[in-house]
Structures are given as C-alpha cells and as structure tokens.
C-alpha cells in the first residue's frame, strides 16, 4: 500500500485502537494455490504497544482456507474504517483559485503476520467470548456466550477452526484532507456532517 507521508499514521496506539473499532476485516492469503480473501471479524488480543499484538479469528471447518494456514504461513489482514467521496464544492477556496478536484477520504490498515491454526475447544470458546463481549458491550442488554445452552455451543465450536496471527508489521493510511487548508478542512467537515445526517447507506434496509 503506497502511503504519502502526510497521510501516514505511525502512532501504534492509534492503529491498534482503529483495529478494535473497525474489526471486521479481510483475511488475505496468496500462495501456490492462488489468492483467497475471507471477510471475517477479528479480535485484537493486546492493546499495548509494548507487547506483541496478536489477531484472532475463526473460520468454518467447511472452509478449506484453514488447511492452507497451517505451519506459520505469512498472511495479510486488511481493515477499513470510514470512507467518503469529497466534493470540491466543499472547499472554501474553490472560488479563489479554481484549483480543486474531487477526492476520496478513507482509513485503511494493512497488518502482516504469521498464522497458526487451532482446534482446541478451550481456546475457541475463550476467543468467542472475547469477540462477543467486545461487541455486546455496546448493547442495552448484552448477550454472552454463556447465555446459550452448553451442548449447543459445544456443537458449534466443533464446526469452526481458530486462527491466531502473530503481528510483525502494521501500515496505516488515514486520508483526511491533511494536505488542505484549515478553512477547506472545515468546509469538508461541514459537508460530511450534512450528508451523514441524511445518509441512505443503512444496513437495516437489507433486512426484509
């Protein structure tokens, strides 16, 4: 991923925070069998910059990808945060210079690491608890894995395979008009806030 200097985020604490906030990512593998991309939720096992971060996820046992992840294979996890089209009409300097064009703002993170797979039911249940608790903490009435019948969850655990990724590098691009003037950034912020207030991009519209 090419990252111009003014869009490069190098604060590891912020990058780890972004990964937790936008934890639904892509697990990317490229090997002799080809390129495979899986869209899955991740759990970040450490928020500390001083310790080795690990990403944890799981895939269906019916998904052949886990067989290719055995033995410390190098893989890529990709995370994407908010993104938006930026209209030149929001730049307050447009009348002064006419030197404005559309662009796209976005947050993107590439994490490289080495994978290990696990079938350990204890590890898998702990992983599921952490993943569920992370997202249920925002709910009015949080649900926990222990709320379900034990025999039911035991059977479900048998149907998945765990993946743990030891992180070796992180790259983060936050493109948010850092190369624009203060008044242009203010115009973009106002434009985005107005558009977000009437956004039509809602997942609930797909629920029928």
C-alpha atoms as a PDB file:
ATOM      1  CA  UNK A   1       0.000   0.000   0.000  1.00  0.00           C
ATOM      2  CA  UNK A   2       1.512   3.307  -1.100  1.00  0.00           C
ATOM      3  CA  UNK A   3       1.158   5.923   1.650  1.00  0.00           C
ATOM      4  CA  UNK A   4       2.164   9.570   1.061  1.00  0.00           C
ATOM      5  CA  UNK A   5       3.937  10.992   4.120  1.00  0.00           C
ATOM      6  CA  UNK A   6       1.150  13.436   5.028  1.00  0.00           C
ATOM      7  CA  UNK A   7      -1.404  10.580   5.179  1.00  0.00           C
ATOM      8  CA  UNK A   8       0.800   8.107   7.078  1.00  0.00           C
ATOM      9  CA  UNK A   9      -0.276   7.204  10.621  1.00  0.00           C
ATOM     10  CA  UNK A  10       2.668   5.888  12.639  1.00  0.00           C
ATOM     11  CA  UNK A  11       1.262   6.020  16.163  1.00  0.00           C
ATOM     12  CA  UNK A  12       0.863   2.313  17.028  1.00  0.00           C
ATOM     13  CA  UNK A  13      -1.558   3.079  19.869  1.00  0.00           C
ATOM     14  CA  UNK A  14      -3.900   4.809  17.406  1.00  0.00           C
ATOM     15  CA  UNK A  15      -3.544   1.990  14.870  1.00  0.00           C
ATOM     16  CA  UNK A  16      -4.453  -0.652  17.463  1.00  0.00           C
ATOM     17  CA  UNK A  17      -7.426   1.490  18.507  1.00  0.00           C
ATOM     18  CA  UNK A  18      -8.602   1.700  14.888  1.00  0.00           C
ATOM     19  CA  UNK A  19      -8.328  -2.082  14.516  1.00  0.00           C
ATOM     20  CA  UNK A  20     -10.538  -2.593  17.557  1.00  0.00           C
ATOM     21  CA  UNK A  21     -13.084  -0.056  16.335  1.00  0.00           C
ATOM     22  CA  UNK A  22     -13.226  -1.391  12.756  1.00  0.00           C
ATOM     23  CA  UNK A  23     -12.532  -5.049  13.480  1.00  0.00           C
ATOM     24  CA  UNK A  24     -14.455  -6.581  10.575  1.00  0.00           C
ATOM     25  CA  UNK A  25     -11.681  -7.154   8.075  1.00  0.00           C
ATOM     26  CA  UNK A  26     -10.330  -9.269   5.253  1.00  0.00           C
ATOM     27  CA  UNK A  27      -8.033 -12.250   5.764  1.00  0.00           C
ATOM     28  CA  UNK A  28      -5.852 -12.404   2.645  1.00  0.00           C
ATOM     29  CA  UNK A  29      -3.707 -15.378   1.637  1.00  0.00           C
ATOM     30  CA  UNK A  30      -1.613 -15.689  -1.500  1.00  0.00           C
ATOM     31  CA  UNK A  31       0.200 -18.982  -2.126  1.00  0.00           C
ATOM     32  CA  UNK A  32       0.785 -21.552  -4.848  1.00  0.00           C
ATOM     33  CA  UNK A  33      -2.928 -22.382  -4.820  1.00  0.00           C
ATOM     34  CA  UNK A  34      -3.897 -18.813  -5.624  1.00  0.00           C
ATOM     35  CA  UNK A  35      -5.317 -15.795  -3.800  1.00  0.00           C
ATOM     36  CA  UNK A  36      -8.028 -16.223  -1.170  1.00  0.00           C
ATOM     37  CA  UNK A  37      -9.877 -13.458   0.686  1.00  0.00           C
ATOM     38  CA  UNK A  38     -12.236 -14.078   3.598  1.00  0.00           C
ATOM     39  CA  UNK A  39     -14.364 -11.360   5.225  1.00  0.00           C
ATOM     40  CA  UNK A  40     -14.462 -12.020   8.969  1.00  0.00           C
ATOM     41  CA  UNK A  41     -14.489 -10.323  12.387  1.00  0.00           C
ATOM     42  CA  UNK A  42     -11.193 -10.183  14.281  1.00  0.00           C
ATOM     43  CA  UNK A  43     -10.315  -9.844  17.939  1.00  0.00           C
ATOM     44  CA  UNK A  44      -7.139  -7.970  18.879  1.00  0.00           C
ATOM     45  CA  UNK A  45      -5.561  -9.721  21.851  1.00  0.00           C
ATOM     46  CA  UNK A  46      -3.462  -6.770  23.031  1.00  0.00           C
ATOM     47  CA  UNK A  47      -3.998  -3.024  23.213  1.00  0.00           C
ATOM     48  CA  UNK A  48      -0.434  -2.426  24.364  1.00  0.00           C
ATOM     49  CA  UNK A  49       2.249  -1.119  22.004  1.00  0.00           C
ATOM     50  CA  UNK A  50       4.891  -2.667  24.259  1.00  0.00           C
ATOM     51  CA  UNK A  51       3.746  -6.253  23.759  1.00  0.00           C
ATOM     52  CA  UNK A  52       3.410  -8.382  20.647  1.00  0.00           C
ATOM     53  CA  UNK A  53      -0.071  -7.865  19.254  1.00  0.00           C
ATOM     54  CA  UNK A  54      -1.979 -10.891  18.044  1.00  0.00           C
ATOM     55  CA  UNK A  55      -5.086 -11.037  15.913  1.00  0.00           C
ATOM     56  CA  UNK A  56      -7.529 -13.846  16.499  1.00  0.00           C
ATOM     57  CA  UNK A  57     -10.340 -15.021  14.266  1.00  0.00           C
ATOM     58  CA  UNK A  58     -12.100 -18.199  13.209  1.00  0.00           C
ATOM     59  CA  UNK A  59     -13.417 -19.791  10.049  1.00  0.00           C
ATOM     60  CA  UNK A  60     -15.887 -22.531   9.317  1.00  0.00           C
ATOM     61  CA  UNK A  61     -14.401 -26.026   9.350  1.00  0.00           C
ATOM     62  CA  UNK A  62     -16.007 -26.409   5.914  1.00  0.00           C
ATOM     63  CA  UNK A  63     -13.872 -23.523   4.656  1.00  0.00           C
ATOM     64  CA  UNK A  64     -10.736 -25.046   3.042  1.00  0.00           C
ATOM     65  CA  UNK A  65      -8.673 -21.946   3.804  1.00  0.00           C
ATOM     66  CA  UNK A  66      -7.656 -23.188   7.262  1.00  0.00           C
ATOM     67  CA  UNK A  67      -5.701 -26.091   5.799  1.00  0.00           C
ATOM     68  CA  UNK A  68      -3.542 -23.586   3.888  1.00  0.00           C
ATOM     69  CA  UNK A  69      -2.921 -21.513   7.032  1.00  0.00           C
ATOM     70  CA  UNK A  70      -1.112 -24.260   8.936  1.00  0.00           C
ATOM     71  CA  UNK A  71       2.570 -24.036   9.797  1.00  0.00           C
ATOM     72  CA  UNK A  72       3.187 -20.323  10.205  1.00  0.00           C
ATOM     73  CA  UNK A  73       2.071 -19.038   6.821  1.00  0.00           C
ATOM     74  CA  UNK A  74       2.551 -15.318   6.155  1.00  0.00           C
ATOM     75  CA  UNK A  75      -0.788 -13.585   5.622  1.00  0.00           C
ATOM     76  CA  UNK A  76      -2.318 -10.141   5.417  1.00  0.00           C
ATOM     77  CA  UNK A  77      -5.254  -8.757   7.391  1.00  0.00           C
ATOM     78  CA  UNK A  78      -6.902  -5.643   5.957  1.00  0.00           C
ATOM     79  CA  UNK A  79      -9.129  -3.275   7.910  1.00  0.00           C
ATOM     80  CA  UNK A  80     -11.101  -0.359   6.509  1.00  0.00           C
ATOM     81  CA  UNK A  81     -12.656   2.426   8.508  1.00  0.00           C
ATOM     82  CA  UNK A  82     -14.967   5.213   7.369  1.00  0.00           C
ATOM     83  CA  UNK A  83     -14.637   6.391   3.779  1.00  0.00           C
ATOM     84  CA  UNK A  84     -16.344   9.135   1.816  1.00  0.00           C
ATOM     85  CA  UNK A  85     -16.380  10.946  -1.512  1.00  0.00           C
ATOM     86  CA  UNK A  86     -15.180  14.533  -1.059  1.00  0.00           C
ATOM     87  CA  UNK A  87     -16.839  17.123  -3.288  1.00  0.00           C
ATOM     88  CA  UNK A  88     -14.790  20.118  -4.476  1.00  0.00           C
ATOM     89  CA  UNK A  89     -17.860  22.239  -3.703  1.00  0.00           C
ATOM     90  CA  UNK A  90     -16.982  21.872  -0.009  1.00  0.00           C
ATOM     91  CA  UNK A  91     -13.610  23.586  -0.420  1.00  0.00           C
ATOM     92  CA  UNK A  92     -13.964  27.224   0.547  1.00  0.00           C
ATOM     93  CA  UNK A  93     -11.026  28.173  -1.691  1.00  0.00           C
ATOM     94  CA  UNK A  94     -12.770  26.977  -4.854  1.00  0.00           C
ATOM     95  CA  UNK A  95     -13.857  30.487  -5.853  1.00  0.00           C
ATOM     96  CA  UNK A  96     -10.420  31.956  -5.133  1.00  0.00           C
ATOM     97  CA  UNK A  97      -8.246  29.565  -7.124  1.00  0.00           C
ATOM     98  CA  UNK A  98     -10.430  27.120  -9.059  1.00  0.00           C
ATOM     99  CA  UNK A  99      -7.689  24.587  -8.341  1.00  0.00           C
ATOM    100  CA  UNK A 100      -9.858  21.917  -6.725  1.00  0.00           C
ATOM    101  CA  UNK A 101     -10.889  18.399  -7.734  1.00  0.00           C
ATOM    102  CA  UNK A 102     -12.854  15.592  -6.103  1.00  0.00           C
ATOM    103  CA  UNK A 103     -11.084  13.081  -3.890  1.00  0.00           C
ATOM    104  CA  UNK A 104     -11.877  10.217  -1.538  1.00  0.00           C
ATOM    105  CA  UNK A 105     -11.101  10.171   2.177  1.00  0.00           C
ATOM    106  CA  UNK A 106     -10.577   6.857   3.962  1.00  0.00           C
ATOM    107  CA  UNK A 107      -8.901   4.891   6.716  1.00  0.00           C
ATOM    108  CA  UNK A 108      -7.088   1.689   5.717  1.00  0.00           C
ATOM    109  CA  UNK A 109      -4.835  -0.609   7.740  1.00  0.00           C
ATOM    110  CA  UNK A 110      -2.687  -3.486   6.477  1.00  0.00           C
ATOM    111  CA  UNK A 111      -1.408  -5.950   9.073  1.00  0.00           C
ATOM    112  CA  UNK A 112       1.121  -8.626   8.146  1.00  0.00           C
ATOM    113  CA  UNK A 113       1.786 -11.634  10.321  1.00  0.00           C
ATOM    114  CA  UNK A 114       2.224 -15.376  10.603  1.00  0.00           C
ATOM    115  CA  UNK A 115      -0.735 -17.676  11.144  1.00  0.00           C
ATOM    116  CA  UNK A 116      -1.298 -20.646  13.382  1.00  0.00           C
ATOM    117  CA  UNK A 117      -4.494 -22.659  13.455  1.00  0.00           C
ATOM    118  CA  UNK A 118      -6.052 -24.333  16.480  1.00  0.00           C
ATOM    119  CA  UNK A 119      -8.778 -26.886  17.125  1.00  0.00           C
ATOM    120  CA  UNK A 120      -8.571 -26.517  20.916  1.00  0.00           C
ATOM    121  CA  UNK A 121     -12.161 -26.147  22.193  1.00  0.00           C
ATOM    122  CA  UNK A 122     -10.993 -24.197  25.259  1.00  0.00           C
ATOM    123  CA  UNK A 123      -9.142 -21.661  23.075  1.00  0.00           C
ATOM    124  CA  UNK A 124     -12.096 -21.433  20.708  1.00  0.00           C
ATOM    125  CA  UNK A 125     -14.638 -20.783  23.462  1.00  0.00           C
ATOM    126  CA  UNK A 126     -12.427 -18.132  25.050  1.00  0.00           C
ATOM    127  CA  UNK A 127     -11.958 -16.494  21.644  1.00  0.00           C
ATOM    128  CA  UNK A 128     -15.712 -16.459  21.039  1.00  0.00           C
ATOM    129  CA  UNK A 129     -16.364 -14.978  24.493  1.00  0.00           C
ATOM    130  CA  UNK A 130     -13.874 -12.179  23.883  1.00  0.00           C
ATOM    131  CA  UNK A 131     -15.195 -11.463  20.397  1.00  0.00           C
ATOM    132  CA  UNK A 132     -18.824 -11.453  21.533  1.00  0.00           C
ATOM    133  CA  UNK A 133     -18.163  -9.405  24.687  1.00  0.00           C
ATOM    134  CA  UNK A 134     -16.288  -6.800  22.638  1.00  0.00           C
ATOM    135  CA  UNK A 135     -19.366  -6.081  20.525  1.00  0.00           C
ATOM    136  CA  UNK A 136     -22.107  -6.793  23.054  1.00  0.00           C
ATOM    137  CA  UNK A 137     -20.642  -4.177  25.404  1.00  0.00           C
ATOM    138  CA  UNK A 138     -22.426  -1.561  23.294  1.00  0.00           C
ATOM    139  CA  UNK A 139     -25.824  -3.240  23.647  1.00  0.00           C
ATOM    140  CA  UNK A 140     -28.523  -2.165  26.091  1.00  0.00           C
ATOM    141  CA  UNK A 141     -28.955  -5.770  27.222  1.00  0.00           C
ATOM    142  CA  UNK A 142     -25.626  -7.528  26.490  1.00  0.00           C
ATOM    143  CA  UNK A 143     -25.764 -11.185  25.497  1.00  0.00           C
ATOM    144  CA  UNK A 144     -22.979 -13.572  26.472  1.00  0.00           C
ATOM    145  CA  UNK A 145     -21.888 -16.932  25.129  1.00  0.00           C
ATOM    146  CA  UNK A 146     -22.793 -18.481  28.464  1.00  0.00           C
ATOM    147  CA  UNK A 147     -26.416 -17.448  27.889  1.00  0.00           C
ATOM    148  CA  UNK A 148     -26.746 -20.227  25.314  1.00  0.00           C
ATOM    149  CA  UNK A 149     -27.147 -23.920  26.111  1.00  0.00           C
ATOM    150  CA  UNK A 150     -23.765 -25.572  26.726  1.00  0.00           C
ATOM    151  CA  UNK A 151     -24.426 -28.571  24.485  1.00  0.00           C
ATOM    152  CA  UNK A 152     -25.452 -26.194  21.698  1.00  0.00           C
ATOM    153  CA  UNK A 153     -22.295 -24.067  21.911  1.00  0.00           C
ATOM    154  CA  UNK A 154     -20.126 -27.193  22.247  1.00  0.00           C
ATOM    155  CA  UNK A 155     -21.504 -28.441  18.932  1.00  0.00           C
ATOM    156  CA  UNK A 156     -20.935 -25.049  17.302  1.00  0.00           C
ATOM    157  CA  UNK A 157     -17.317 -24.949  18.498  1.00  0.00           C
ATOM    158  CA  UNK A 158     -16.719 -28.244  16.718  1.00  0.00           C
ATOM    159  CA  UNK A 159     -17.751 -26.604  13.451  1.00  0.00           C
ATOM    160  CA  UNK A 160     -15.081 -23.873  13.495  1.00  0.00           C
ATOM    161  CA  UNK A 161     -11.286 -23.623  13.391  1.00  0.00           C
ATOM    162  CA  UNK A 162      -9.366 -20.896  15.213  1.00  0.00           C
ATOM    163  CA  UNK A 163      -6.718 -18.728  13.578  1.00  0.00           C
ATOM    164  CA  UNK A 164      -4.138 -16.734  15.518  1.00  0.00           C
ATOM    165  CA  UNK A 165      -1.903 -14.223  13.735  1.00  0.00           C
ATOM    166  CA  UNK A 166       1.342 -13.004  15.275  1.00  0.00           C
ATOM    167  CA  UNK A 167       1.656  -9.438  14.013  1.00  0.00           C
ATOM    168  CA  UNK A 168       5.004  -8.441  12.508  1.00  0.00           C
ATOM    169  CA  UNK A 169       4.108  -5.151  10.789  1.00  0.00           C
ATOM    170  CA  UNK A 170       1.295  -2.620  10.543  1.00  0.00           C
ATOM    171  CA  UNK A 171       0.736   0.075   7.930  1.00  0.00           C
ATOM    172  CA  UNK A 172      -1.988   2.676   8.293  1.00  0.00           C
ATOM    173  CA  UNK A 173      -3.207   5.320   5.868  1.00  0.00           C
ATOM    174  CA  UNK A 174      -5.581   7.969   7.171  1.00  0.00           C
ATOM    175  CA  UNK A 175      -6.524  10.260   4.294  1.00  0.00           C
ATOM    176  CA  UNK A 176      -8.490  13.091   5.869  1.00  0.00           C
ATOM    177  CA  UNK A 177      -7.572  16.262   3.958  1.00  0.00           C
ATOM    178  CA  UNK A 178      -4.378  16.814   5.981  1.00  0.00           C
ATOM    179  CA  UNK A 179      -2.920  18.479   2.859  1.00  0.00           C
ATOM    180  CA  UNK A 180      -5.668  21.112   2.716  1.00  0.00           C
ATOM    181  CA  UNK A 181      -6.005  24.487   4.435  1.00  0.00           C
ATOM    182  CA  UNK A 182      -7.852  24.890   7.724  1.00  0.00           C
ATOM    183  CA  UNK A 183     -10.847  26.515   6.044  1.00  0.00           C
ATOM    184  CA  UNK A 184     -11.068  23.776   3.416  1.00  0.00           C
ATOM    185  CA  UNK A 185     -10.986  21.112   6.120  1.00  0.00           C
ATOM    186  CA  UNK A 186     -13.759  22.975   7.934  1.00  0.00           C
ATOM    187  CA  UNK A 187     -15.805  23.003   4.726  1.00  0.00           C
ATOM    188  CA  UNK A 188     -15.289  19.262   4.236  1.00  0.00           C
ATOM    189  CA  UNK A 189     -16.270  18.562   7.842  1.00  0.00           C
ATOM    190  CA  UNK A 190     -19.493  20.564   7.429  1.00  0.00           C
ATOM    191  CA  UNK A 191     -20.273  18.857   4.127  1.00  0.00           C
ATOM    192  CA  UNK A 192     -19.748  15.394   5.562  1.00  0.00           C
ATOM    193  CA  UNK A 193     -21.838  16.117   8.654  1.00  0.00           C
ATOM    194  CA  UNK A 194     -24.729  17.348   6.493  1.00  0.00           C
ATOM    195  CA  UNK A 195     -24.563  14.319   4.208  1.00  0.00           C
ATOM    196  CA  UNK A 196     -24.214  11.805   7.049  1.00  0.00           C
ATOM    197  CA  UNK A 197     -27.348  13.216   8.677  1.00  0.00           C
ATOM    198  CA  UNK A 198     -29.408  12.087   5.686  1.00  0.00           C
ATOM    199  CA  UNK A 199     -27.338   9.085   4.640  1.00  0.00           C
ATOM    200  CA  UNK A 200     -29.190   6.383   2.727  1.00  0.00           C
ATOM    201  CA  UNK A 201     -26.468   3.778   3.284  1.00  0.00           C
ATOM    202  CA  UNK A 202     -28.047   1.813   6.102  1.00  0.00           C
ATOM    203  CA  UNK A 203     -27.687  -1.937   6.594  1.00  0.00           C
ATOM    204  CA  UNK A 204     -31.195  -2.185   8.047  1.00  0.00           C
ATOM    205  CA  UNK A 205     -32.705  -1.588   4.608  1.00  0.00           C
ATOM    206  CA  UNK A 206     -31.497  -5.046   3.582  1.00  0.00           C
ATOM    207  CA  UNK A 207     -33.452  -6.745   6.377  1.00  0.00           C
ATOM    208  CA  UNK A 208     -36.781  -7.780   4.842  1.00  0.00           C
END
